[in-house]
Amino acid sequence: MTVLYGTLLGFALWTLCVLTFTVGVHRWSRILTGRAAIHEFPAHAPTGPDWYRRGTRAHANCIENLPVYGAIVVTASSVGASGLLLDALAVSVLAARVVQSLVHMAFVETPRTVSVRFTFYCVQIVAMTAMAVIVFRH
């Protein structure tokens, strides 16, 4: 497996972990213990404890960025683009995604935590843009 495909798989697995250990744990525990019915989690209304709402948003952030990253990786693979720089950028995307999600889930929203999250989001955007440029120039 190439580094590019490994990071894409890692991104997808991270997205599943965020879903499972935040949204899933909260909802499943409430449903399975009879404290909530399966239909009591409206998508349009923020419900549940603060950590759960942050987890829901962190999962949505992963879902929003995974297709973009996937498109870059698949395109790179289809045109035969490779190299150490592309691999390093791919690893930085995944690492920054994990850190951004962890900060989002673990810390109450303050100006400082939002700034930290945004910094790691910017790392992802810059790295994905650089990857796209490399692929395009290939």
Protein backbone atom coordinates (compact mmCIF):
# COMPACT_ATOMS: atom_id res chain seq x y z
CA MET A 1 0.00 0.00 0.00
CA THR A 2 1.34 3.42 -0.90
CA VAL A 3 1.63 6.24 1.61
CA LEU A 4 -1.12 8.10 -0.25
CA TYR A 5 -3.55 5.20 0.02
CA GLY A 6 -2.48 4.55 3.60
CA THR A 7 -3.28 8.10 4.62
CA LEU A 8 -6.60 7.97 2.78
CA LEU A 9 -7.48 4.79 4.63
CA GLY A 10 -6.27 6.39 7.87
CA PHE A 11 -8.48 9.41 7.24
CA ALA A 12 -11.49 7.16 6.65
CA LEU A 13 -10.76 5.08 9.77
CA TRP A 14 -10.29 8.24 11.83
CA THR A 15 -13.68 9.48 10.60
CA LEU A 16 -15.24 6.19 11.74
CA CYS A 17 -13.49 6.42 15.12
CA VAL A 18 -14.77 9.95 15.69
CA LEU A 19 -18.27 8.78 14.81
CA THR A 20 -18.11 5.67 16.97
CA PHE A 21 -16.53 7.13 20.09
CA THR A 22 -18.51 10.36 20.24
CA VAL A 23 -21.82 10.27 18.42
CA GLY A 24 -22.14 6.50 18.58
CA VAL A 25 -21.28 6.04 22.24
CA HIS A 26 -23.67 8.77 23.35
CA ARG A 27 -26.57 7.66 21.19
CA TRP A 28 -26.13 3.92 21.56
CA SER A 29 -25.76 4.09 25.33
CA ARG A 30 -28.94 6.13 25.62
CA ILE A 31 -30.88 3.89 23.24
CA LEU A 32 -29.67 0.58 24.68
CA THR A 33 -30.38 1.63 28.28
CA GLY A 34 -33.88 2.85 27.41
CA ARG A 35 -33.14 6.51 28.21
CA ALA A 36 -33.92 7.58 24.63
CA ALA A 37 -35.75 6.25 21.62
CA ILE A 38 -33.87 5.79 18.36
CA HIS A 39 -35.74 8.70 16.77
CA GLU A 40 -34.91 11.24 19.52
CA PHE A 41 -31.76 12.65 17.92
CA PRO A 42 -32.88 15.34 15.47
CA ALA A 43 -30.20 16.45 13.03
CA HIS A 44 -31.44 20.03 13.03
CA ALA A 45 -31.33 20.63 16.79
CA PRO A 46 -28.25 20.54 19.02
CA THR A 47 -28.98 18.13 21.85
CA GLY A 48 -26.89 16.28 24.40
CA PRO A 49 -23.87 17.27 26.44
CA ASP A 50 -21.29 19.71 25.14
CA TRP A 51 -18.68 17.00 24.39
CA TYR A 52 -21.26 15.16 22.28
CA ARG A 53 -22.10 18.27 20.26
CA ARG A 54 -18.38 18.95 19.72
CA GLY A 55 -17.94 15.32 18.62
CA THR A 56 -20.80 15.66 16.19
CA ARG A 57 -19.21 18.77 14.67
CA ALA A 58 -15.77 17.11 14.56
CA HIS A 59 -17.30 14.17 12.69
CA ALA A 60 -19.02 16.55 10.26
CA ASN A 61 -15.65 18.26 9.66
CA CYS A 62 -14.11 14.89 8.79
CA ILE A 63 -16.98 14.03 6.46
CA GLU A 64 -16.67 17.40 4.70
CA ASN A 65 -12.96 17.02 4.01
CA LEU A 66 -12.64 13.29 3.32
CA PRO A 67 -14.06 13.45 -0.26
CA VAL A 68 -11.73 16.32 -1.19
CA TYR A 69 -8.71 14.46 0.13
CA GLY A 70 -9.92 11.24 -1.53
CA ALA A 71 -10.22 13.00 -4.89
CA ILE A 72 -6.65 14.28 -4.63
CA VAL A 73 -5.28 10.85 -3.68
CA VAL A 74 -7.21 8.99 -6.40
CA THR A 75 -6.18 11.53 -9.02
CA ALA A 76 -2.55 11.35 -7.91
CA SER A 77 -2.65 7.59 -8.18
CA SER A 78 -4.37 7.60 -11.57
CA VAL A 79 -1.77 9.91 -13.12
CA GLY A 80 1.14 8.15 -11.43
CA ALA A 81 2.21 11.08 -9.27
CA SER A 82 4.43 10.04 -6.36
CA GLY A 83 7.43 11.12 -4.38
CA LEU A 84 8.68 12.04 -0.95
CA LEU A 85 7.12 15.50 -0.97
CA LEU A 86 3.70 14.14 -1.91
CA ASP A 87 4.01 11.47 0.81
CA ALA A 88 5.09 14.03 3.42
CA LEU A 89 2.17 16.28 2.53
CA ALA A 90 -0.22 13.32 2.77
CA VAL A 91 1.06 12.40 6.23
CA SER A 92 0.76 16.04 7.32
CA VAL A 93 -2.88 16.13 6.15
CA LEU A 94 -3.75 13.08 8.23
CA ALA A 95 -1.78 14.21 11.29
CA ALA A 96 -3.31 17.68 11.19
CA ARG A 97 -6.80 16.17 10.77
CA VAL A 98 -6.34 13.96 13.83
CA VAL A 99 -5.01 16.82 15.97
CA GLN A 100 -7.75 19.19 14.80
CA SER A 101 -10.43 16.63 15.68
CA LEU A 102 -8.87 15.85 19.06
CA VAL A 103 -8.72 19.52 19.99
CA HIS A 104 -12.30 19.97 18.81
CA MET A 105 -13.57 17.04 20.88
CA ALA A 106 -11.43 17.34 23.99
CA PHE A 107 -11.52 21.04 24.77
CA VAL A 108 -14.33 23.46 25.46
CA GLU A 109 -14.61 26.08 22.73
CA THR A 110 -12.61 29.18 23.61
CA PRO A 111 -10.83 31.70 21.39
CA ARG A 112 -7.59 29.79 22.02
CA THR A 113 -8.95 26.34 21.18
CA VAL A 114 -10.67 27.67 18.06
CA SER A 115 -7.37 29.25 17.00
CA VAL A 116 -5.53 25.96 17.52
CA ARG A 117 -8.18 24.06 15.56
CA PHE A 118 -8.08 26.62 12.78
CA THR A 119 -4.29 26.40 12.61
CA PHE A 120 -4.45 22.64 12.07
CA TYR A 121 -7.24 23.11 9.53
CA CYS A 122 -5.03 25.57 7.64
CA VAL A 123 -2.21 23.01 7.63
CA GLN A 124 -4.59 20.58 5.92
CA ILE A 125 -5.76 23.12 3.36
CA VAL A 126 -2.21 24.19 2.48
CA ALA A 127 -1.03 20.57 2.27
CA MET A 128 -3.98 19.46 0.13
CA THR A 129 -3.56 22.47 -2.15
CA ALA A 130 0.15 21.71 -2.54
CA MET A 131 -0.70 18.08 -3.29
CA ALA A 132 -3.21 19.13 -5.92
CA VAL A 133 -0.63 21.43 -7.55
CA ILE A 134 1.93 18.61 -7.64
CA VAL A 135 -0.63 16.25 -9.17
CA PHE A 136 -1.76 18.86 -11.69
CA ARG A 137 1.82 19.59 -12.75
CA HIS A 138 2.55 15.89 -13.12
